[in-house]
Amino acid sequence: MKIKPWYAAVEAFGPKSGDVWDSYVKQSGLKQLIEVITLDGILCNDVIRELTPEDWEHNVSEDYVFFYFRDLDYLLKRLGNYDGVSILAIVRNPDDECRTQSFDERFVFQGYDLIDVQGGISALTNCSGFEKAFDNDELSNVGLLSTLKRAREVQKLLCKNYPDNPHANCNIWAIWKMTL
């Protein structure tokens, strides 16, 4: 499988975030975290918040993911400064395991997130846990699941056990982080 990721620039969320980080770790109970890597727009806001006319030539512009880009070079140029920014490569609902897939040596695979299809909230790191679907201890030190198999199991368990929760209907996102 040849990976064709999209790219996102989100605000980094970790110990450098200060009191907000300390409060989050305490409230979430996710003591294993060294940072959160997610597409959750509340925890890690999109860095680009307004699109320029030129952006529309490079962004995804489908399914309400307007702030994801197909062209990494364009995104990096558009950003200019990466301080406090996580550059992510992402694949929505991958068909195959992504842990061993490589497409660009600057990116390291981080894991799988489950983002609700309606509001962009992570079921893993921003919903206070779903104990009938997964245990918080199985999340990595960046708040993600490590295998596609487990992500699919959790996706099914969320829908089965929490059918009325709007954050339980999720897409699986494979996430790589750029190491600058």
Protein backbone atom coordinates (compact mmCIF):
# COMPACT_ATOMS: atom_id res chain seq x y z
CA MET A 1 0.00 0.00 0.00
CA LYS A 2 1.34 3.41 -0.96
CA ILE A 3 0.40 5.96 1.68
CA LYS A 4 -0.92 9.31 0.43
CA PRO A 5 -1.41 11.26 3.66
CA TRP A 6 -2.97 14.62 4.22
CA TYR A 7 -1.13 17.10 6.43
CA ALA A 8 -2.26 19.16 9.39
CA ALA A 9 -0.61 21.83 11.51
CA VAL A 10 -1.94 21.84 15.07
CA GLU A 11 -0.93 23.55 18.27
CA ALA A 12 1.37 21.38 20.36
CA PHE A 13 -0.13 20.30 23.69
CA GLY A 14 2.23 19.09 26.38
CA PRO A 15 4.16 20.14 29.49
CA LYS A 16 5.19 23.44 27.84
CA SER A 17 1.47 24.35 27.90
CA GLY A 18 1.88 25.02 31.64
CA ASP A 19 -1.04 24.99 34.05
CA VAL A 20 -3.50 23.96 31.32
CA TRP A 21 -1.44 20.80 30.75
CA ASP A 22 -1.13 20.03 34.47
CA SER A 23 -4.88 20.47 34.92
CA TYR A 24 -5.63 18.30 31.87
CA VAL A 25 -3.42 15.41 33.04
CA LYS A 26 -4.92 15.55 36.52
CA GLN A 27 -8.52 15.71 35.25
CA SER A 28 -8.08 13.05 32.54
CA GLY A 29 -6.13 10.62 34.69
CA LEU A 30 -3.79 10.00 31.74
CA LYS A 31 -0.62 10.16 33.80
CA GLN A 32 1.41 8.31 31.15
CA LEU A 33 1.24 11.25 28.74
CA ILE A 34 4.33 13.17 27.69
CA GLU A 35 2.22 15.14 25.18
CA VAL A 36 -1.08 14.76 23.34
CA ILE A 37 -0.94 14.15 19.61
CA THR A 38 -4.43 14.44 18.19
CA LEU A 39 -6.64 16.04 15.59
CA ASP A 40 -9.02 17.05 18.38
CA GLY A 41 -9.68 20.72 17.74
CA ILE A 42 -10.21 21.53 21.41
CA LEU A 43 -6.98 19.99 22.68
CA CYS A 44 -4.84 20.86 19.65
CA ASN A 45 -6.31 23.72 17.62
CA ASP A 46 -5.59 24.02 13.93
CA VAL A 47 -2.81 26.56 13.52
CA ILE A 48 -4.27 27.83 10.25
CA ARG A 49 -7.67 29.22 11.11
CA GLU A 50 -8.45 31.28 8.03
CA LEU A 51 -7.98 30.09 4.49
CA THR A 52 -6.49 32.24 1.78
CA PRO A 53 -7.56 31.95 -1.88
CA GLU A 54 -4.30 30.06 -2.58
CA ASP A 55 -5.02 27.57 0.24
CA TRP A 56 -8.01 26.27 -1.71
CA GLU A 57 -5.60 24.98 -4.37
CA HIS A 58 -3.78 22.84 -1.78
CA ASN A 59 -6.25 21.93 0.96
CA VAL A 60 -8.44 18.84 1.12
CA SER A 61 -11.76 20.74 0.96
CA GLU A 62 -14.01 17.71 1.39
CA ASP A 63 -16.03 16.32 4.28
CA TYR A 64 -15.45 19.49 6.32
CA VAL A 65 -11.69 18.98 6.65
CA PHE A 66 -10.75 22.26 5.02
CA PHE A 67 -7.70 22.85 7.22
CA TYR A 68 -5.92 19.66 6.11
CA PHE A 69 -3.60 19.92 3.15
CA ARG A 70 -2.51 17.57 0.36
CA ASP A 71 0.79 19.39 -0.20
CA LEU A 72 3.31 19.33 2.66
CA ASP A 73 5.69 21.81 1.05
CA TYR A 74 2.86 24.30 0.62
CA LEU A 75 1.75 23.85 4.24
CA LEU A 76 5.28 24.37 5.56
CA LYS A 77 5.72 27.47 3.42
CA ARG A 78 2.33 28.77 4.54
CA LEU A 79 3.24 28.33 8.20
CA GLY A 80 6.70 29.85 8.07
CA ASN A 81 7.36 29.34 11.80
CA TYR A 82 6.87 25.92 13.42
CA ASP A 83 7.47 26.94 17.04
CA GLY A 84 4.79 25.33 19.23
CA VAL A 85 3.33 23.53 16.20
CA SER A 86 2.96 19.83 15.53
CA ILE A 87 3.08 18.97 11.83
CA LEU A 88 1.08 15.79 11.36
CA ALA A 89 0.65 13.40 8.46
CA ILE A 90 -2.74 11.75 8.66
CA VAL A 91 -4.76 9.02 6.98
CA ARG A 92 -8.47 8.65 7.67
CA ASN A 93 -9.82 5.11 8.06
CA PRO A 94 -6.76 3.33 6.70
CA ASP A 95 -7.27 -0.06 5.07
CA ASP A 96 -4.01 -1.54 6.35
CA GLU A 97 -1.79 -1.34 9.42
CA CYS A 98 0.28 1.84 9.23
CA ARG A 99 2.90 1.24 11.94
CA THR A 100 5.46 -0.06 9.47
CA GLN A 101 4.51 2.14 6.54
CA SER A 102 7.02 4.81 5.61
CA PHE A 103 6.45 7.62 3.15
CA ASP A 104 8.78 10.40 4.35
CA GLU A 105 11.78 9.99 6.64
CA ARG A 106 10.89 13.22 8.47
CA PHE A 107 7.75 11.60 9.95
CA VAL A 108 7.48 9.05 12.76
CA PHE A 109 4.35 6.99 13.23
CA GLN A 110 2.60 7.85 16.52
CA GLY A 111 -0.56 5.72 16.56
CA TYR A 112 -4.29 5.81 15.91
CA ASP A 113 -6.84 8.29 17.18
CA LEU A 114 -10.62 7.98 17.14
CA ILE A 115 -12.19 11.31 16.22
CA ASP A 116 -15.95 11.73 16.24
CA VAL A 117 -17.42 12.27 12.80
CA GLN A 118 -19.52 15.28 13.84
CA GLY A 119 -17.43 17.58 15.99
CA GLY A 120 -13.80 16.60 15.74
CA ILE A 121 -13.45 15.43 19.35
CA SER A 122 -11.13 12.57 20.32
CA ALA A 123 -12.95 9.70 22.01
CA LEU A 124 -9.58 8.64 23.41
CA THR A 125 -8.30 11.80 25.07
CA ASN A 126 -11.18 14.27 25.36
CA CYS A 127 -14.22 12.39 26.62
CA SER A 128 -13.19 11.35 30.13
CA GLY A 129 -12.87 7.73 29.01
CA PHE A 130 -15.24 5.09 27.70
CA GLU A 131 -14.61 2.19 30.08
CA LYS A 132 -16.78 -0.25 28.11
CA ALA A 133 -14.62 0.33 25.01
CA PHE A 134 -11.04 0.81 26.22
CA ASP A 135 -8.93 1.31 29.30
CA ASN A 136 -7.05 4.59 29.62
CA ASP A 137 -3.90 2.62 30.50
CA GLU A 138 -3.77 1.15 26.99
CA LEU A 139 -3.23 4.58 25.44
CA SER A 140 0.35 5.42 24.51
CA ASN A 141 2.37 8.24 26.04
CA VAL A 142 0.88 10.54 23.37
CA GLY A 143 -2.72 9.38 23.90
CA LEU A 144 -3.11 7.04 20.94
CA LEU A 145 -3.75 3.37 20.28
CA SER A 146 -0.80 1.47 18.84
CA THR A 147 -2.47 -0.91 16.37
CA LEU A 148 -5.15 -0.61 13.71
CA LYS A 149 -6.70 -3.85 14.95
CA ARG A 150 -7.25 -2.39 18.41
CA ALA A 151 -8.48 0.93 16.98
CA ARG A 152 -11.11 -0.95 14.96
CA GLU A 153 -12.17 -2.94 18.04
CA VAL A 154 -12.54 0.24 20.10
CA GLN A 155 -14.43 1.92 17.24
CA LYS A 156 -16.97 -0.93 17.24
CA LEU A 157 -17.23 -1.03 21.04
CA LEU A 158 -17.88 2.71 21.19
CA CYS A 159 -20.83 2.41 18.79
CA LYS A 160 -22.17 -0.71 20.49
CA ASN A 161 -21.89 0.46 24.11
CA TYR A 162 -22.53 4.19 23.70
CA PRO A 163 -25.04 4.50 20.81
CA ASP A 164 -26.49 7.79 22.08
CA ASN A 165 -23.16 9.52 22.71
CA PRO A 166 -22.29 11.87 19.82
CA HIS A 167 -18.56 11.30 20.39
CA ALA A 168 -18.82 7.52 19.99
CA ASN A 169 -19.32 7.48 16.22
CA CYS A 170 -15.72 7.90 15.09
CA ASN A 171 -13.32 7.79 12.19
CA ILE A 172 -9.97 6.13 12.77
CA TRP A 173 -7.02 8.40 12.01
CA ALA A 174 -3.47 7.10 11.57
CA ILE A 175 -1.09 9.84 12.71
CA TRP A 176 2.59 10.48 12.05
CA LYS A 177 4.44 13.45 13.54
CA MET A 178 7.12 15.39 11.73
CA THR A 179 10.42 15.48 13.58
CA LEU A 180 11.97 18.82 12.68
